[in-house]
C-alpha atoms as a PDB file:
ATOM      1  CA  MET A   1     -42.779 -18.456 -14.008  1.00  0.00           C
ATOM      2  CA  THR A   2     -41.128 -15.283 -12.729  1.00  0.00           C
ATOM      3  CA  THR A   3     -37.210 -14.765 -12.885  1.00  0.00           C
ATOM      4  CA  THR A   4     -35.035 -12.318 -10.837  1.00  0.00           C
ATOM      5  CA  ALA A   5     -32.710 -10.173 -12.926  1.00  0.00           C
ATOM      6  CA  GLN A   6     -29.341 -10.710 -12.109  1.00  0.00           C
ATOM      7  CA  PRO A   7     -26.541  -7.960 -11.872  1.00  0.00           C
ATOM      8  CA  SER A   8     -24.310  -7.862 -15.056  1.00  0.00           C
ATOM      9  CA  PRO A   9     -20.809  -8.597 -14.623  1.00  0.00           C
ATOM     10  CA  ALA A  10     -18.193  -5.551 -14.810  1.00  0.00           C
ATOM     11  CA  PRO A  11     -16.934  -5.118 -18.391  1.00  0.00           C
ATOM     12  CA  ALA A  12     -13.487  -6.317 -19.107  1.00  0.00           C
ATOM     13  CA  PRO A  13     -11.055  -3.678 -18.127  1.00  0.00           C
ATOM     14  CA  SER A  14      -9.068  -1.893 -20.970  1.00  0.00           C
ATOM     15  CA  ARG A  15      -6.388  -0.452 -18.191  1.00  0.00           C
ATOM     16  CA  PRO A  16      -4.414  -2.817 -15.793  1.00  0.00           C
ATOM     17  CA  ILE A  17      -5.853  -2.765 -12.316  1.00  0.00           C
ATOM     18  CA  ALA A  18      -3.744  -1.937  -9.107  1.00  0.00           C
ATOM     19  CA  LEU A  19      -4.800  -2.708  -5.588  1.00  0.00           C
ATOM     20  CA  ILE A  20      -3.636  -0.263  -3.078  1.00  0.00           C
ATOM     21  CA  THR A  21      -4.008  -0.645   0.684  1.00  0.00           C
ATOM     22  CA  GLY A  22      -4.113   2.041   3.157  1.00  0.00           C
ATOM     23  CA  VAL A  23      -5.767   4.713   1.399  1.00  0.00           C
ATOM     24  CA  GLY A  24      -7.819   6.243   4.234  1.00  0.00           C
ATOM     25  CA  ARG A  25      -6.801   9.859   4.087  1.00  0.00           C
ATOM     26  CA  SER A  26      -6.509  12.268   1.298  1.00  0.00           C
ATOM     27  CA  ILE A  27      -3.121  13.641   2.236  1.00  0.00           C
ATOM     28  CA  GLY A  28      -1.651  10.160   2.954  1.00  0.00           C
ATOM     29  CA  ILE A  29       0.797   8.273   1.029  1.00  0.00           C
ATOM     30  CA  GLY A  30      -1.577   5.781  -0.333  1.00  0.00           C
ATOM     31  CA  ALA A  31      -3.779   8.370  -1.777  1.00  0.00           C
ATOM     32  CA  GLY A  32      -0.694   9.930  -3.373  1.00  0.00           C
ATOM     33  CA  ILE A  33       0.042   6.709  -4.821  1.00  0.00           C
ATOM     34  CA  ALA A  34      -3.496   6.193  -6.216  1.00  0.00           C
ATOM     35  CA  ARG A  35      -3.541   9.488  -7.957  1.00  0.00           C
ATOM     36  CA  ARG A  36      -0.320   8.971  -9.721  1.00  0.00           C
ATOM     37  CA  LEU A  37      -1.405   5.528 -10.713  1.00  0.00           C
ATOM     38  CA  ALA A  38      -4.746   6.625 -11.892  1.00  0.00           C
ATOM     39  CA  ALA A  39      -2.917   9.469 -13.975  1.00  0.00           C
ATOM     40  CA  SER A  40      -0.615   6.741 -15.415  1.00  0.00           C
ATOM     41  CA  GLY A  41      -3.365   4.656 -16.988  1.00  0.00           C
ATOM     42  CA  TRP A  42      -4.232   2.385 -14.068  1.00  0.00           C
ATOM     43  CA  ASP A  43      -7.929   1.324 -12.801  1.00  0.00           C
ATOM     44  CA  VAL A  44      -7.651   1.364  -8.814  1.00  0.00           C
ATOM     45  CA  ALA A  45      -8.884  -0.597  -6.189  1.00  0.00           C
ATOM     46  CA  PHE A  46      -8.103   0.687  -2.631  1.00  0.00           C
ATOM     47  CA  THR A  47      -8.675  -0.297   0.828  1.00  0.00           C
ATOM     48  CA  TYR A  48      -9.240   1.820   4.072  1.00  0.00           C
ATOM     49  CA  TRP A  49     -10.243   1.136   7.580  1.00  0.00           C
ATOM     50  CA  THR A  50     -11.778   4.163   9.372  1.00  0.00           C
ATOM     51  CA  PRO A  51     -11.410   3.012  13.069  1.00  0.00           C
ATOM     52  CA  TYR A  52      -7.742   3.070  12.819  1.00  0.00           C
ATOM     53  CA  ASP A  53      -7.718   6.649  11.632  1.00  0.00           C
ATOM     54  CA  ARG A  54     -10.412   7.336  14.333  1.00  0.00           C
ATOM     55  CA  ARG A  55      -8.304   6.077  17.302  1.00  0.00           C
ATOM     56  CA  MET A  56      -5.132   8.194  16.035  1.00  0.00           C
ATOM     57  CA  GLU A  57      -4.272  11.479  16.970  1.00  0.00           C
ATOM     58  CA  TRP A  58      -5.184  12.860  13.416  1.00  0.00           C
ATOM     59  CA  GLY A  59      -8.591  11.348  13.603  1.00  0.00           C
ATOM     60  CA  ALA A  60     -10.978  10.098  10.666  1.00  0.00           C
ATOM     61  CA  GLU A  61     -11.395  12.129   7.754  1.00  0.00           C
ATOM     62  CA  PRO A  62     -15.176  12.111   6.926  1.00  0.00           C
ATOM     63  CA  GLY A  63     -15.893  11.181   3.216  1.00  0.00           C
ATOM     64  CA  ALA A  64     -12.299  10.637   2.456  1.00  0.00           C
ATOM     65  CA  ALA A  65     -12.874   7.237   0.426  1.00  0.00           C
ATOM     66  CA  ALA A  66     -15.431   8.933  -1.776  1.00  0.00           C
ATOM     67  CA  SER A  67     -13.484  11.987  -2.338  1.00  0.00           C
ATOM     68  CA  ILE A  68     -10.442   9.929  -3.401  1.00  0.00           C
ATOM     69  CA  ALA A  69     -12.433   7.765  -5.508  1.00  0.00           C
ATOM     70  CA  GLN A  70     -13.973  10.762  -7.415  1.00  0.00           C
ATOM     71  CA  GLU A  71     -10.519  12.148  -7.888  1.00  0.00           C
ATOM     72  CA  LEU A  72      -9.365   8.956  -9.414  1.00  0.00           C
ATOM     73  CA  ALA A  73     -12.664   8.799 -11.736  1.00  0.00           C
ATOM     74  CA  GLU A  74     -11.873  12.561 -12.952  1.00  0.00           C
ATOM     75  CA  ALA A  75      -8.194  11.120 -13.803  1.00  0.00           C
ATOM     76  CA  GLY A  76     -10.027   8.515 -16.135  1.00  0.00           C
ATOM     77  CA  ALA A  77      -9.757   5.315 -13.586  1.00  0.00           C
ATOM     78  CA  ARG A  78     -12.481   3.159 -12.762  1.00  0.00           C
ATOM     79  CA  THR A  79     -12.126   2.610  -9.017  1.00  0.00           C
ATOM     80  CA  ALA A  80     -13.568   0.512  -5.995  1.00  0.00           C
ATOM     81  CA  SER A  81     -12.982   1.484  -2.466  1.00  0.00           C
ATOM     82  CA  ILE A  82     -13.113  -1.258  -0.182  1.00  0.00           C
ATOM     83  CA  GLU A  83     -13.236  -0.909   3.761  1.00  0.00           C
ATOM     84  CA  ALA A  84     -11.253  -3.648   5.369  1.00  0.00           C
ATOM     85  CA  ASP A  85     -10.105  -4.594   8.656  1.00  0.00           C
ATOM     86  CA  LEU A  86      -6.799  -6.282   7.959  1.00  0.00           C
ATOM     87  CA  THR A  87      -6.530  -7.764  11.644  1.00  0.00           C
ATOM     88  CA  ASP A  88      -8.905 -10.161  10.017  1.00  0.00           C
ATOM     89  CA  PRO A  89      -7.202 -13.148   8.203  1.00  0.00           C
ATOM     90  CA  ASP A  90     -10.296 -13.512   5.755  1.00  0.00           C
ATOM     91  CA  ALA A  91     -10.012 -10.070   4.783  1.00  0.00           C
ATOM     92  CA  PRO A  92      -7.450 -10.306   2.027  1.00  0.00           C
ATOM     93  CA  ALA A  93      -9.357 -12.827  -0.016  1.00  0.00           C
ATOM     94  CA  ARG A  94     -12.375 -10.801   0.339  1.00  0.00           C
ATOM     95  CA  VAL A  95     -10.602  -7.663  -0.932  1.00  0.00           C
ATOM     96  CA  PHE A  96      -9.395  -9.430  -4.018  1.00  0.00           C
ATOM     97  CA  ASP A  97     -12.752 -10.937  -4.480  1.00  0.00           C
ATOM     98  CA  GLU A  98     -14.285  -7.439  -4.453  1.00  0.00           C
ATOM     99  CA  ALA A  99     -11.752  -5.810  -6.318  1.00  0.00           C
ATOM    100  CA  GLU A 100     -11.860  -8.295  -9.328  1.00  0.00           C
ATOM    101  CA  GLN A 101     -15.621  -8.339  -9.364  1.00  0.00           C
ATOM    102  CA  ARG A 102     -16.218  -4.559  -9.268  1.00  0.00           C
ATOM    103  CA  LEU A 103     -13.299  -3.697 -11.936  1.00  0.00           C
ATOM    104  CA  GLY A 104     -13.689  -6.870 -13.867  1.00  0.00           C
ATOM    105  CA  GLY A 105     -10.448  -8.185 -14.277  1.00  0.00           C
ATOM    106  CA  PRO A 106      -7.472  -9.448 -12.294  1.00  0.00           C
ATOM    107  CA  VAL A 107      -5.077  -7.164 -10.165  1.00  0.00           C
ATOM    108  CA  THR A 108      -1.826  -6.484 -11.860  1.00  0.00           C
ATOM    109  CA  ALA A 109      -0.298  -4.372  -9.274  1.00  0.00           C
ATOM    110  CA  LEU A 110      -0.213  -4.861  -5.449  1.00  0.00           C
ATOM    111  CA  VAL A 111       0.710  -1.829  -3.692  1.00  0.00           C
ATOM    112  CA  LEU A 112       1.115  -2.170   0.191  1.00  0.00           C
ATOM    113  CA  SER A 113       0.859   0.981   1.993  1.00  0.00           C
ATOM    114  CA  HIS A 114      -1.305   0.070   4.953  1.00  0.00           C
ATOM    115  CA  ALA A 115       0.191   0.199   8.491  1.00  0.00           C
ATOM    116  CA  GLU A 116      -0.660   0.031  12.202  1.00  0.00           C
ATOM    117  CA  SER A 117       1.755   2.539  13.871  1.00  0.00           C
ATOM    118  CA  VAL A 118       1.190   3.401  17.375  1.00  0.00           C
ATOM    119  CA  ASP A 119       4.628   4.551  19.177  1.00  0.00           C
ATOM    120  CA  SER A 120       5.906   2.544  22.211  1.00  0.00           C
ATOM    121  CA  GLY A 121       9.314   0.964  23.161  1.00  0.00           C
ATOM    122  CA  LEU A 122      10.831  -2.381  24.499  1.00  0.00           C
ATOM    123  CA  LEU A 123       9.574  -1.605  27.969  1.00  0.00           C
ATOM    124  CA  ASP A 124       6.009  -0.324  27.464  1.00  0.00           C
ATOM    125  CA  THR A 125       4.718  -2.241  24.615  1.00  0.00           C
ATOM    126  CA  THR A 126       1.743  -4.321  25.310  1.00  0.00           C
ATOM    127  CA  VAL A 127       1.276  -7.969  23.968  1.00  0.00           C
ATOM    128  CA  GLU A 128      -1.869  -6.687  22.331  1.00  0.00           C
ATOM    129  CA  ALA A 129      -0.326  -3.875  20.707  1.00  0.00           C
ATOM    130  CA  PHE A 130       2.715  -6.061  19.468  1.00  0.00           C
ATOM    131  CA  ASP A 131       0.273  -8.737  18.095  1.00  0.00           C
ATOM    132  CA  ARG A 132      -1.843  -6.043  16.432  1.00  0.00           C
ATOM    133  CA  HIS A 133       1.229  -4.727  14.711  1.00  0.00           C
ATOM    134  CA  PHE A 134       2.351  -7.850  13.412  1.00  0.00           C
ATOM    135  CA  ALA A 135      -1.171  -8.990  12.262  1.00  0.00           C
ATOM    136  CA  VAL A 136      -1.713  -5.781  10.181  1.00  0.00           C
ATOM    137  CA  ASN A 137       1.926  -5.089   8.987  1.00  0.00           C
ATOM    138  CA  SER A 138       3.270  -8.517   8.554  1.00  0.00           C
ATOM    139  CA  ARG A 139       0.534 -10.949   8.691  1.00  0.00           C
ATOM    140  CA  ALA A 140      -1.909  -9.447   6.302  1.00  0.00           C
ATOM    141  CA  SER A 141       0.837  -8.241   3.863  1.00  0.00           C
ATOM    142  CA  TRP A 142       1.803 -11.957   3.340  1.00  0.00           C
ATOM    143  CA  LEU A 143      -1.831 -12.929   2.993  1.00  0.00           C
ATOM    144  CA  LEU A 144      -2.251 -10.029   0.450  1.00  0.00           C
ATOM    145  CA  ILE A 145       1.013 -11.358  -1.536  1.00  0.00           C
ATOM    146  CA  ARG A 146      -0.264 -14.853  -1.260  1.00  0.00           C
ATOM    147  CA  GLU A 147      -3.481 -14.188  -2.341  1.00  0.00           C
ATOM    148  CA  TYR A 148      -2.112 -12.150  -5.336  1.00  0.00           C
ATOM    149  CA  GLY A 149       0.300 -15.028  -6.267  1.00  0.00           C
ATOM    150  CA  LEU A 150      -2.517 -17.597  -6.008  1.00  0.00           C
ATOM    151  CA  ARG A 151      -4.614 -15.612  -8.471  1.00  0.00           C
ATOM    152  CA  PHE A 152      -1.953 -13.985 -10.794  1.00  0.00           C
ATOM    153  CA  ARG A 153      -1.618 -15.379 -14.234  1.00  0.00           C
ATOM    154  CA  GLY A 154       1.788 -14.564 -16.110  1.00  0.00           C
ATOM    155  CA  GLY A 155       4.655 -16.469 -17.021  1.00  0.00           C
ATOM    156  CA  PRO A 156       8.595 -16.570 -16.948  1.00  0.00           C
ATOM    157  CA  GLY A 157      10.121 -13.860 -18.974  1.00  0.00           C
ATOM    158  CA  THR A 158       7.124 -11.528 -19.210  1.00  0.00           C
ATOM    159  CA  ALA A 159       7.742  -9.419 -15.825  1.00  0.00           C
ATOM    160  CA  THR A 160       4.248  -8.039 -15.881  1.00  0.00           C
ATOM    161  CA  GLY A 161       3.232  -8.381 -12.464  1.00  0.00           C
ATOM    162  CA  ARG A 162       4.166  -5.948  -9.637  1.00  0.00           C
ATOM    163  CA  ILE A 163       4.420  -6.018  -5.931  1.00  0.00           C
ATOM    164  CA  VAL A 164       5.619  -2.990  -3.918  1.00  0.00           C
ATOM    165  CA  ALA A 165       5.400  -2.493  -0.227  1.00  0.00           C
ATOM    166  CA  LEU A 166       6.130   0.597   1.731  1.00  0.00           C
ATOM    167  CA  THR A 167       8.433   0.001   4.723  1.00  0.00           C
ATOM    168  CA  SER A 168      10.168   2.014   7.645  1.00  0.00           C
ATOM    169  CA  ASP A 169      13.624   1.869   9.464  1.00  0.00           C
ATOM    170  CA  HIS A 170      12.101   3.217  12.640  1.00  0.00           C
ATOM    171  CA  THR A 171      12.671   1.193  15.625  1.00  0.00           C
ATOM    172  CA  VAL A 172      13.834   3.070  18.620  1.00  0.00           C
ATOM    173  CA  GLY A 173      10.571   4.106  20.466  1.00  0.00           C
ATOM    174  CA  ASN A 174       8.447   2.413  17.899  1.00  0.00           C
ATOM    175  CA  LEU A 175       9.287  -1.052  18.621  1.00  0.00           C
ATOM    176  CA  PRO A 176       6.271  -3.093  17.319  1.00  0.00           C
ATOM    177  CA  TYR A 177       5.899  -1.008  14.284  1.00  0.00           C
ATOM    178  CA  GLY A 178       9.531  -1.284  13.349  1.00  0.00           C
ATOM    179  CA  ALA A 179       9.936  -4.871  13.973  1.00  0.00           C
ATOM    180  CA  SER A 180       6.636  -5.809  11.918  1.00  0.00           C
ATOM    181  CA  LYS A 181       7.884  -3.460   9.161  1.00  0.00           C
ATOM    182  CA  GLY A 182      11.157  -5.513   9.079  1.00  0.00           C
ATOM    183  CA  ALA A 183       9.199  -8.893   8.711  1.00  0.00           C
ATOM    184  CA  LEU A 184       7.192  -7.227   5.754  1.00  0.00           C
ATOM    185  CA  ASP A 185      10.433  -6.416   4.077  1.00  0.00           C
ATOM    186  CA  ARG A 186      11.718 -10.167   4.137  1.00  0.00           C
ATOM    187  CA  ILE A 187       8.096 -11.510   3.099  1.00  0.00           C
ATOM    188  CA  THR A 188       8.294  -9.044   0.134  1.00  0.00           C
ATOM    189  CA  LEU A 189      11.722  -9.633  -0.884  1.00  0.00           C
ATOM    190  CA  ALA A 190      10.847 -13.389  -0.865  1.00  0.00           C
ATOM    191  CA  ALA A 191       8.221 -12.892  -3.338  1.00  0.00           C
ATOM    192  CA  ALA A 192      10.839 -11.624  -5.804  1.00  0.00           C
ATOM    193  CA  HIS A 193      12.064 -15.119  -5.987  1.00  0.00           C
ATOM    194  CA  GLU A 194       9.168 -17.376  -5.011  1.00  0.00           C
ATOM    195  CA  LEU A 195       6.915 -15.768  -7.585  1.00  0.00           C
ATOM    196  CA  ALA A 196       9.413 -15.200 -10.215  1.00  0.00           C
ATOM    197  CA  HIS A 197       8.001 -18.035 -12.470  1.00  0.00           C
ATOM    198  CA  LEU A 198       4.879 -15.845 -12.710  1.00  0.00           C
ATOM    199  CA  GLY A 199       6.598 -13.006 -14.111  1.00  0.00           C
ATOM    200  CA  VAL A 200       6.166 -11.030 -10.983  1.00  0.00           C
ATOM    201  CA  THR A 201       8.628  -8.427  -9.581  1.00  0.00           C
ATOM    202  CA  ALA A 202       8.812  -7.575  -6.039  1.00  0.00           C
ATOM    203  CA  ASN A 203      10.327  -4.508  -4.168  1.00  0.00           C
ATOM    204  CA  VAL A 204      10.295  -2.734  -1.047  1.00  0.00           C
ATOM    205  CA  VAL A 205      10.466   1.163  -0.845  1.00  0.00           C
ATOM    206  CA  ASN A 206      11.423   3.116   2.137  1.00  0.00           C
ATOM    207  CA  PRO A 207       9.901   6.479   1.778  1.00  0.00           C
ATOM    208  CA  GLY A 208      11.657   8.246   4.678  1.00  0.00           C
ATOM    209  CA  PRO A 209      10.281  11.093   6.623  1.00  0.00           C
ATOM    210  CA  VAL A 210       6.872  12.103   4.978  1.00  0.00           C
ATOM    211  CA  ASP A 211       4.799  14.614   6.797  1.00  0.00           C
ATOM    212  CA  THR A 212       1.288  13.439   6.484  1.00  0.00           C
ATOM    213  CA  GLY A 213      -0.015  15.273   9.609  1.00  0.00           C
ATOM    214  CA  TRP A 214       1.608  13.167  12.471  1.00  0.00           C
ATOM    215  CA  MET A 215       4.774  15.315  12.830  1.00  0.00           C
ATOM    216  CA  SER A 216       5.187  17.714  15.773  1.00  0.00           C
ATOM    217  CA  ASP A 217       6.872  21.125  14.754  1.00  0.00           C
ATOM    218  CA  ASP A 218      10.164  20.125  16.653  1.00  0.00           C
ATOM    219  CA  LEU A 219      10.187  16.713  14.837  1.00  0.00           C
ATOM    220  CA  ARG A 220       9.536  18.271  11.642  1.00  0.00           C
ATOM    221  CA  GLU A 221      12.443  20.916  12.183  1.00  0.00           C
ATOM    222  CA  ALA A 222      14.751  18.345  13.032  1.00  0.00           C
ATOM    223  CA  LEU A 223      14.228  16.001  10.168  1.00  0.00           C
ATOM    224  CA  VAL A 224      14.477  19.088   7.739  1.00  0.00           C
ATOM    225  CA  ARG A 225      17.955  19.751   9.196  1.00  0.00           C
ATOM    226  CA  GLY A 226      19.031  16.296   8.651  1.00  0.00           C
ATOM    227  CA  THR A 227      17.883  16.047   4.986  1.00  0.00           C
ATOM    228  CA  PRO A 228      20.407  17.379   2.441  1.00  0.00           C
ATOM    229  CA  LEU A 229      17.768  18.638   0.029  1.00  0.00           C
ATOM    230  CA  GLY A 230      16.207  20.750   2.997  1.00  0.00           C
ATOM    231  CA  ARG A 231      12.698  19.523   3.010  1.00  0.00           C
ATOM    232  CA  LEU A 232      10.575  16.567   3.927  1.00  0.00           C
ATOM    233  CA  GLY A 233       9.446  14.083   1.513  1.00  0.00           C
ATOM    234  CA  THR A 234       5.816  14.305   0.079  1.00  0.00           C
ATOM    235  CA  PRO A 235       3.352  11.697  -0.896  1.00  0.00           C
ATOM    236  CA  ARG A 236       3.993  12.419  -4.483  1.00  0.00           C
ATOM    237  CA  ASP A 237       7.758  11.769  -4.243  1.00  0.00           C
ATOM    238  CA  THR A 238       6.979   8.225  -3.010  1.00  0.00           C
ATOM    239  CA  ALA A 239       4.185   8.018  -5.603  1.00  0.00           C
ATOM    240  CA  HIS A 240       6.528   8.687  -8.634  1.00  0.00           C
ATOM    241  CA  LEU A 241       8.928   5.920  -7.531  1.00  0.00           C
ATOM    242  CA  VAL A 242       5.945   3.507  -7.257  1.00  0.00           C
ATOM    243  CA  ASP A 243       4.566   4.558 -10.575  1.00  0.00           C
ATOM    244  CA  PHE A 244       8.174   3.805 -12.042  1.00  0.00           C
ATOM    245  CA  LEU A 245       8.492   0.496 -10.435  1.00  0.00           C
ATOM    246  CA  CYS A 246       4.909  -0.368 -11.813  1.00  0.00           C
ATOM    247  CA  SER A 247       5.859   0.548 -15.190  1.00  0.00           C
ATOM    248  CA  PRO A 248       7.399  -1.553 -18.003  1.00  0.00           C
ATOM    249  CA  GLU A 249      10.558   0.386 -17.907  1.00  0.00           C
ATOM    250  CA  GLY A 250      10.871  -0.434 -14.083  1.00  0.00           C
ATOM    251  CA  GLN A 251      10.726  -4.463 -14.680  1.00  0.00           C
ATOM    252  CA  TRP A 252      14.494  -4.875 -14.079  1.00  0.00           C
ATOM    253  CA  ILE A 253      14.409  -3.771 -10.732  1.00  0.00           C
ATOM    254  CA  ASN A 254      13.472  -6.603  -8.468  1.00  0.00           C
ATOM    255  CA  GLY A 255      14.054  -7.899  -4.908  1.00  0.00           C
ATOM    256  CA  GLN A 256      15.308  -4.484  -3.753  1.00  0.00           C
ATOM    257  CA  LEU A 257      14.825  -2.454  -0.706  1.00  0.00           C
ATOM    258  CA  LEU A 258      14.984   1.248  -1.994  1.00  0.00           C
ATOM    259  CA  LYS A 259      15.415   4.290   0.106  1.00  0.00           C
ATOM    260  CA  SER A 260      13.436   7.454  -1.507  1.00  0.00           C
ATOM    261  CA  ASN A 261      14.273   9.719   1.176  1.00  0.00           C
ATOM    262  CA  GLY A 262      16.168  12.771  -0.110  1.00  0.00           C
ATOM    263  CA  GLY A 263      19.317  11.615   1.626  1.00  0.00           C
ATOM    264  CA  ALA A 264      17.854  11.813   5.046  1.00  0.00           C
ATOM    265  CA  ALA A 265      20.141  10.991   7.900  1.00  0.00           C
ATOM    266  CA  ALA A 266      19.511   7.733   9.674  1.00  0.00           C
END
């Protein structure tokens, strides 16, 4: 009788595992957060979706996922890059399955930095675009948080689990993005209460204007003038706050919408 060798399970992790969504470009906020958490002692699973970047004006970045994974590995993290279409309601469960299988343990921190973001206003937003924004920014975020809550094993008073979601207050000329991000805020803040019995904290971060290649020169100059510190935000600025919220020192901050925007005028 012959037997087929089975793949060995991943070894149990010695570092906590973070799952970060929306890490599709090396200059993006998601990639900045991944680098910071890797440097702080986390193993990192991350998602990306190349077709989204391909249809946006900045275009897809060939080899970005592999390059980011290599950077994280050089910082000492075990990594798992997962391509996922978050318009698919079955994707969140598959993402968690793959992250746990490849990194050998449960996810401790969930960071939601993915987004569908296509400019349109009240009069020119299509039903298709509206539904796609809510599918990605709201529904997928709820399903990811739900999957996290169903799998997380903690207890009251432990405060070991973390959920951090990135939001925006942009609405004018950006109706479906702003509206779906508003829904994301409510979903995440609900988790601070509904998952409290698991020892999970949940917060929302508004990073303000961060130029990751999407701004025009005129917009960039206007935003700099409206920021007291005289510059735009960077992915590192956002990453430092997320890192703190995910740390033991950040456990008392819970159920908050935090602005990390250099004091930028609304």
